Protein backbone atom coordinates (compact mmCIF):
# COMPACT_ATOMS: atom_id res chain seq x y z
CA MET A 1 0.17 -0.19 0.03
CA GLU A 2 1.26 3.27 -1.08
CA HIS A 3 -0.15 6.22 0.86
CA LYS A 4 0.75 10.29 -1.40
CA GLU A 5 -0.11 13.93 0.09
CA LEU A 6 -1.02 16.31 -2.37
CA ILE A 7 -2.00 20.20 -2.30
CA CYS A 8 -5.18 20.50 -4.43
CA ILE A 9 -4.46 23.28 -7.30
CA ASN A 10 -8.51 22.86 -8.37
CA CYS A 11 -9.65 26.01 -5.95
CA PRO A 12 -8.11 28.98 -3.83
CA LEU A 13 -8.32 26.68 -0.82
CA GLY A 14 -5.72 24.23 -1.64
CA CYS A 15 -6.50 21.42 0.54
CA THR A 16 -4.34 18.85 1.86
CA LEU A 17 -5.36 15.47 0.28
CA ASN A 18 -3.66 11.97 1.67
CA VAL A 19 -4.55 9.06 -1.03
CA THR A 20 -4.06 6.03 -0.56
CA LEU A 21 -3.58 4.14 -3.23
CA GLN A 22 -2.60 -0.13 -3.90
CA ASP A 23 -1.29 -2.24 -7.27
CA GLY A 24 -1.37 1.30 -8.45
CA LYS A 25 -5.09 2.67 -8.01
CA VAL A 26 -6.48 5.10 -6.09
CA THR A 27 -8.10 3.43 -2.51
CA HIS A 28 -8.81 6.39 -1.02
CA ILE A 29 -9.05 10.09 -0.74
CA THR A 30 -9.16 12.26 1.82
CA GLY A 31 -9.07 15.83 3.21
CA ASN A 32 -11.14 17.28 -0.22
CA THR A 33 -13.73 19.88 0.93
CA CYS A 34 -15.20 19.81 -2.66
CA PRO A 35 -15.05 16.83 -5.22
CA ARG A 36 -12.56 18.30 -7.70
CA GLY A 37 -10.20 17.62 -4.90
CA ALA A 38 -11.05 13.85 -5.30
CA ALA A 39 -11.03 14.48 -8.79
CA TYR A 40 -7.90 16.15 -9.24
CA ALA A 41 -5.96 13.30 -6.75
CA GLN A 42 -7.80 10.32 -8.95
CA LYS A 43 -6.03 12.10 -12.69
CA GLU A 44 -2.97 13.60 -10.65
CA CYS A 45 -1.76 9.72 -8.97
CA THR A 46 -2.72 7.47 -11.55
CA HIS A 47 -2.78 9.64 -15.09
CA PRO A 48 -1.69 13.04 -14.79
CA THR A 49 -1.37 15.54 -17.32
CA ARG A 50 0.03 19.46 -18.00
CA THR A 51 -0.49 22.04 -19.92
CA LEU A 52 2.61 22.99 -22.04
CA THR A 53 3.34 26.82 -21.89
CA THR A 54 6.84 28.18 -23.91
CA THR A 55 7.90 29.93 -26.95
CA ILE A 56 8.73 28.63 -30.25
CA ARG A 57 11.20 30.53 -32.05
CA VAL A 58 10.04 32.55 -35.51
CA THR A 59 11.54 33.64 -38.53
CA GLY A 60 11.29 37.02 -40.43
CA GLY A 61 8.95 38.49 -37.62
CA ARG A 62 9.53 42.05 -35.27
CA SER A 63 10.18 39.49 -32.19
CA PRO A 64 12.51 36.41 -32.29
CA VAL A 65 9.72 34.11 -30.84
CA THR A 66 6.42 33.77 -30.38
CA SER A 67 4.49 31.88 -27.29
CA VAL A 68 2.50 29.06 -27.16
CA LYS A 69 0.61 26.73 -25.74
CA THR A 70 -0.97 23.34 -26.04
CA ALA A 71 -4.16 23.86 -26.75
CA THR A 72 -5.04 20.76 -24.13
CA ASP A 73 -3.45 19.19 -21.23
CA ILE A 74 -1.22 16.65 -22.77
CA PRO A 75 0.26 13.01 -20.50
CA LYS A 76 2.67 14.84 -18.23
CA GLU A 77 5.53 11.75 -19.53
CA LYS A 78 5.23 13.39 -22.98
CA ILE A 79 6.63 16.58 -22.22
CA THR A 80 9.96 16.25 -23.12
CA ASP A 81 9.32 14.78 -26.61
CA CYS A 82 7.05 17.87 -27.09
CA MET A 83 10.58 19.64 -26.02
CA GLU A 84 12.14 18.24 -28.30
CA GLN A 85 10.39 18.87 -30.71
CA ILE A 86 9.56 22.33 -30.75
CA LYS A 87 13.09 23.16 -30.27
CA LYS A 88 13.50 21.97 -33.44
CA THR A 89 11.05 23.69 -35.24
CA ALA A 90 10.45 27.02 -36.39
CA VAL A 91 7.32 28.84 -38.43
CA SER A 92 7.45 31.91 -40.41
CA ALA A 93 5.62 35.36 -39.29
CA PRO A 94 3.13 36.76 -39.45
CA VAL A 95 2.47 34.19 -36.46
CA HIS A 96 -1.82 35.05 -35.06
CA ILE A 97 -2.98 34.54 -31.44
CA GLY A 98 -4.81 31.07 -32.51
CA ASP A 99 -2.74 29.95 -35.06
CA ILE A 100 -2.06 25.89 -34.65
CA LEU A 101 1.27 25.92 -35.07
CA ILE A 102 2.49 22.56 -34.46
CA SER A 103 -0.53 19.97 -35.61
CA ASN A 104 -0.41 16.38 -32.98
CA LEU A 105 2.80 17.65 -31.30
CA ALA A 106 4.93 14.78 -30.35
CA ASP A 107 1.50 12.34 -31.06
CA THR A 108 -0.10 13.70 -27.95
CA GLY A 109 -3.17 14.40 -29.93
CA THR A 110 -3.03 17.30 -29.61
CA ASP A 111 -2.10 21.39 -31.21
CA LEU A 112 0.17 24.06 -29.89
CA ILE A 113 -1.08 27.13 -30.54
CA ALA A 114 0.09 31.02 -30.62
CA THR A 115 -0.76 32.83 -27.13
CA LYS A 116 0.94 36.25 -28.69
CA ASN A 117 0.65 37.72 -31.89
CA ASN A 118 4.43 38.19 -34.53
CA PRO A 119 3.45 40.27 -37.46
């Protein structure tokens, strides 16, 4: 049996969650003030995901880089693969907020989108 302590990030309360796992499955969660805390603990302990925010190189733009993020959460274990693909990529200006700059980023099923204009 394994025990983990997490701080919930779904609302400003920041509840301390105590999670019990057995054979990689959540068996008990305590400390959550709302149902969102339990859902967060379940996901974080079994399939953690993150929204990736970074920059990508831009050629011919006002700035040499533009801020980007993934359109949806990606598996935490795929972050390094995503960053490697982004590091090898340069896009041409103009770039507009919402432009899809890389489709299916590192086979995650999500797109990398621009979060800043770069004319």
